[in-house]
């Protein structure tokens, strides 16, 4: 962006996290940001998103699912079996860690 380097390499071991970065750093970055801004967190909405992402959704939707999982699961753990927040900060539930303005910035 600022022409400090001709070439850069980005490495990420976690395939799901890599999916988010691929999306952010591609032409799809703006679409992902719009999806983040428009996503209304709830247990039902998260379940629908996760089910759809698991069944061949497009790249930006899969990346959104990873971001949502990171924010609503305890400690941001993406590992299978990680538990979801229940009360969250100040008992706001899942919404307590979902702040789209910061995620999109």
C-alpha atoms as a PDB file:
ATOM      1  CA  UNK A   1       0.000   0.000   0.000  1.00  0.00           C
ATOM      2  CA  UNK A   2       2.810   2.395   0.839  1.00  0.00           C
ATOM      3  CA  UNK A   3       5.340   0.797  -1.532  1.00  0.00           C
ATOM      4  CA  UNK A   4       7.767  -0.228   1.218  1.00  0.00           C
ATOM      5  CA  UNK A   5       8.137  -3.671  -0.339  1.00  0.00           C
ATOM      6  CA  UNK A   6       7.750  -5.246  -3.751  1.00  0.00           C
ATOM      7  CA  UNK A   7       6.512  -8.527  -2.317  1.00  0.00           C
ATOM      8  CA  UNK A   8       5.142  -9.699   1.005  1.00  0.00           C
ATOM      9  CA  UNK A   9       4.234 -13.133   2.336  1.00  0.00           C
ATOM     10  CA  UNK A  10       1.478 -13.868   4.792  1.00  0.00           C
ATOM     11  CA  UNK A  11       1.410 -17.126   6.703  1.00  0.00           C
ATOM     12  CA  UNK A  12      -1.432 -18.517   8.799  1.00  0.00           C
ATOM     13  CA  UNK A  13      -1.580 -22.099  10.040  1.00  0.00           C
ATOM     14  CA  UNK A  14      -5.293 -22.138  10.868  1.00  0.00           C
ATOM     15  CA  UNK A  15      -7.218 -22.624   7.625  1.00  0.00           C
ATOM     16  CA  UNK A  16     -10.313 -20.862   8.923  1.00  0.00           C
ATOM     17  CA  UNK A  17      -8.381 -17.805  10.082  1.00  0.00           C
ATOM     18  CA  UNK A  18      -6.543 -17.826   6.745  1.00  0.00           C
ATOM     19  CA  UNK A  19      -9.942 -17.759   5.008  1.00  0.00           C
ATOM     20  CA  UNK A  20     -10.760 -14.522   6.812  1.00  0.00           C
ATOM     21  CA  UNK A  21      -7.422 -12.929   5.858  1.00  0.00           C
ATOM     22  CA  UNK A  22      -7.752 -14.032   2.225  1.00  0.00           C
ATOM     23  CA  UNK A  23     -11.127 -12.339   2.161  1.00  0.00           C
ATOM     24  CA  UNK A  24      -9.978  -9.178   3.937  1.00  0.00           C
ATOM     25  CA  UNK A  25      -6.950  -8.741   1.678  1.00  0.00           C
ATOM     26  CA  UNK A  26      -8.832  -9.438  -1.554  1.00  0.00           C
ATOM     27  CA  UNK A  27     -11.342  -7.500  -3.593  1.00  0.00           C
ATOM     28  CA  UNK A  28     -14.002  -9.155  -1.377  1.00  0.00           C
ATOM     29  CA  UNK A  29     -12.876  -7.216   1.699  1.00  0.00           C
ATOM     30  CA  UNK A  30     -15.567  -4.570   1.323  1.00  0.00           C
ATOM     31  CA  UNK A  31     -18.268  -7.220   0.893  1.00  0.00           C
ATOM     32  CA  UNK A  32     -17.126  -8.942   4.080  1.00  0.00           C
ATOM     33  CA  UNK A  33     -17.172  -5.609   5.945  1.00  0.00           C
ATOM     34  CA  UNK A  34     -20.750  -5.008   4.753  1.00  0.00           C
ATOM     35  CA  UNK A  35     -21.765  -8.482   5.933  1.00  0.00           C
ATOM     36  CA  UNK A  36     -20.196  -7.822   9.348  1.00  0.00           C
ATOM     37  CA  UNK A  37     -21.980  -4.481   9.652  1.00  0.00           C
ATOM     38  CA  UNK A  38     -25.317  -6.022   8.680  1.00  0.00           C
ATOM     39  CA  UNK A  39     -25.124  -9.144  10.836  1.00  0.00           C
ATOM     40  CA  UNK A  40     -27.416  -9.032  13.867  1.00  0.00           C
ATOM     41  CA  UNK A  41     -26.052 -11.428  16.460  1.00  0.00           C
ATOM     42  CA  UNK A  42     -28.444 -13.898  18.023  1.00  0.00           C
ATOM     43  CA  UNK A  43     -28.265 -17.593  18.768  1.00  0.00           C
ATOM     44  CA  UNK A  44     -30.638 -18.371  15.876  1.00  0.00           C
ATOM     45  CA  UNK A  45     -28.810 -16.118  13.391  1.00  0.00           C
ATOM     46  CA  UNK A  46     -25.449 -17.622  14.352  1.00  0.00           C
ATOM     47  CA  UNK A  47     -26.781 -21.166  13.990  1.00  0.00           C
ATOM     48  CA  UNK A  48     -28.195 -20.376  10.523  1.00  0.00           C
ATOM     49  CA  UNK A  49     -24.909 -18.768   9.451  1.00  0.00           C
ATOM     50  CA  UNK A  50     -22.807 -21.693  10.707  1.00  0.00           C
ATOM     51  CA  UNK A  51     -25.057 -24.257   9.006  1.00  0.00           C
ATOM     52  CA  UNK A  52     -25.003 -22.373   5.710  1.00  0.00           C
ATOM     53  CA  UNK A  53     -21.233 -21.805   5.858  1.00  0.00           C
ATOM     54  CA  UNK A  54     -20.682 -25.518   6.459  1.00  0.00           C
ATOM     55  CA  UNK A  55     -22.712 -26.399   3.362  1.00  0.00           C
ATOM     56  CA  UNK A  56     -20.731 -24.666   0.618  1.00  0.00           C
ATOM     57  CA  UNK A  57     -21.490 -20.993   1.131  1.00  0.00           C
ATOM     58  CA  UNK A  58     -19.422 -18.378  -0.693  1.00  0.00           C
ATOM     59  CA  UNK A  59     -16.046 -17.288   0.661  1.00  0.00           C
ATOM     60  CA  UNK A  60     -17.249 -14.056   2.297  1.00  0.00           C
ATOM     61  CA  UNK A  61     -20.017 -15.889   4.162  1.00  0.00           C
ATOM     62  CA  UNK A  62     -17.569 -18.535   5.374  1.00  0.00           C
ATOM     63  CA  UNK A  63     -15.239 -15.760   6.550  1.00  0.00           C
ATOM     64  CA  UNK A  64     -18.144 -14.056   8.334  1.00  0.00           C
ATOM     65  CA  UNK A  65     -18.948 -17.340  10.087  1.00  0.00           C
ATOM     66  CA  UNK A  66     -15.360 -17.553  11.365  1.00  0.00           C
ATOM     67  CA  UNK A  67     -15.512 -13.968  12.678  1.00  0.00           C
ATOM     68  CA  UNK A  68     -18.846 -14.576  14.396  1.00  0.00           C
ATOM     69  CA  UNK A  69     -17.588 -17.809  15.977  1.00  0.00           C
ATOM     70  CA  UNK A  70     -14.471 -16.013  17.193  1.00  0.00           C
ATOM     71  CA  UNK A  71     -16.536 -13.315  18.851  1.00  0.00           C
ATOM     72  CA  UNK A  72     -19.292 -15.438  20.445  1.00  0.00           C
ATOM     73  CA  UNK A  73     -17.273 -18.411  21.662  1.00  0.00           C
ATOM     74  CA  UNK A  74     -15.512 -18.310  25.012  1.00  0.00           C
ATOM     75  CA  UNK A  75     -12.114 -16.672  24.701  1.00  0.00           C
ATOM     76  CA  UNK A  76     -12.454 -16.522  20.917  1.00  0.00           C
ATOM     77  CA  UNK A  77     -11.481 -20.201  20.690  1.00  0.00           C
ATOM     78  CA  UNK A  78     -12.320 -21.649  17.269  1.00  0.00           C
ATOM     79  CA  UNK A  79     -11.531 -25.270  18.148  1.00  0.00           C
ATOM     80  CA  UNK A  80     -14.340 -27.807  17.732  1.00  0.00           C
ATOM     81  CA  UNK A  81     -16.347 -28.129  20.915  1.00  0.00           C
ATOM     82  CA  UNK A  82     -15.491 -24.652  22.234  1.00  0.00           C
ATOM     83  CA  UNK A  83     -18.407 -23.291  24.239  1.00  0.00           C
ATOM     84  CA  UNK A  84     -20.389 -20.181  23.444  1.00  0.00           C
ATOM     85  CA  UNK A  85     -20.809 -17.200  25.692  1.00  0.00           C
ATOM     86  CA  UNK A  86     -23.927 -17.302  27.811  1.00  0.00           C
ATOM     87  CA  UNK A  87     -24.131 -14.074  29.787  1.00  0.00           C
ATOM     88  CA  UNK A  88     -21.268 -12.143  28.224  1.00  0.00           C
ATOM     89  CA  UNK A  89     -20.102  -8.818  29.589  1.00  0.00           C
ATOM     90  CA  UNK A  90     -22.713  -7.005  31.675  1.00  0.00           C
ATOM     91  CA  UNK A  91     -25.090  -9.897  30.907  1.00  0.00           C
ATOM     92  CA  UNK A  92     -25.580  -8.761  27.295  1.00  0.00           C
ATOM     93  CA  UNK A  93     -25.212 -12.308  26.019  1.00  0.00           C
ATOM     94  CA  UNK A  94     -23.714 -12.948  22.599  1.00  0.00           C
ATOM     95  CA  UNK A  95     -23.862  -9.267  21.676  1.00  0.00           C
ATOM     96  CA  UNK A  96     -21.360  -8.403  24.417  1.00  0.00           C
ATOM     97  CA  UNK A  97     -18.382  -9.200  22.161  1.00  0.00           C
ATOM     98  CA  UNK A  98     -19.863  -8.242  18.779  1.00  0.00           C
ATOM     99  CA  UNK A  99     -18.862  -4.735  17.752  1.00  0.00           C
ATOM    100  CA  UNK A 100     -19.005  -4.493  13.965  1.00  0.00           C
ATOM    101  CA  UNK A 101     -17.628  -0.940  13.771  1.00  0.00           C
ATOM    102  CA  UNK A 102     -14.345  -2.090  15.337  1.00  0.00           C
ATOM    103  CA  UNK A 103     -14.165  -5.317  13.343  1.00  0.00           C
ATOM    104  CA  UNK A 104     -14.634  -3.410  10.073  1.00  0.00           C
ATOM    105  CA  UNK A 105     -12.175  -0.637  10.873  1.00  0.00           C
END
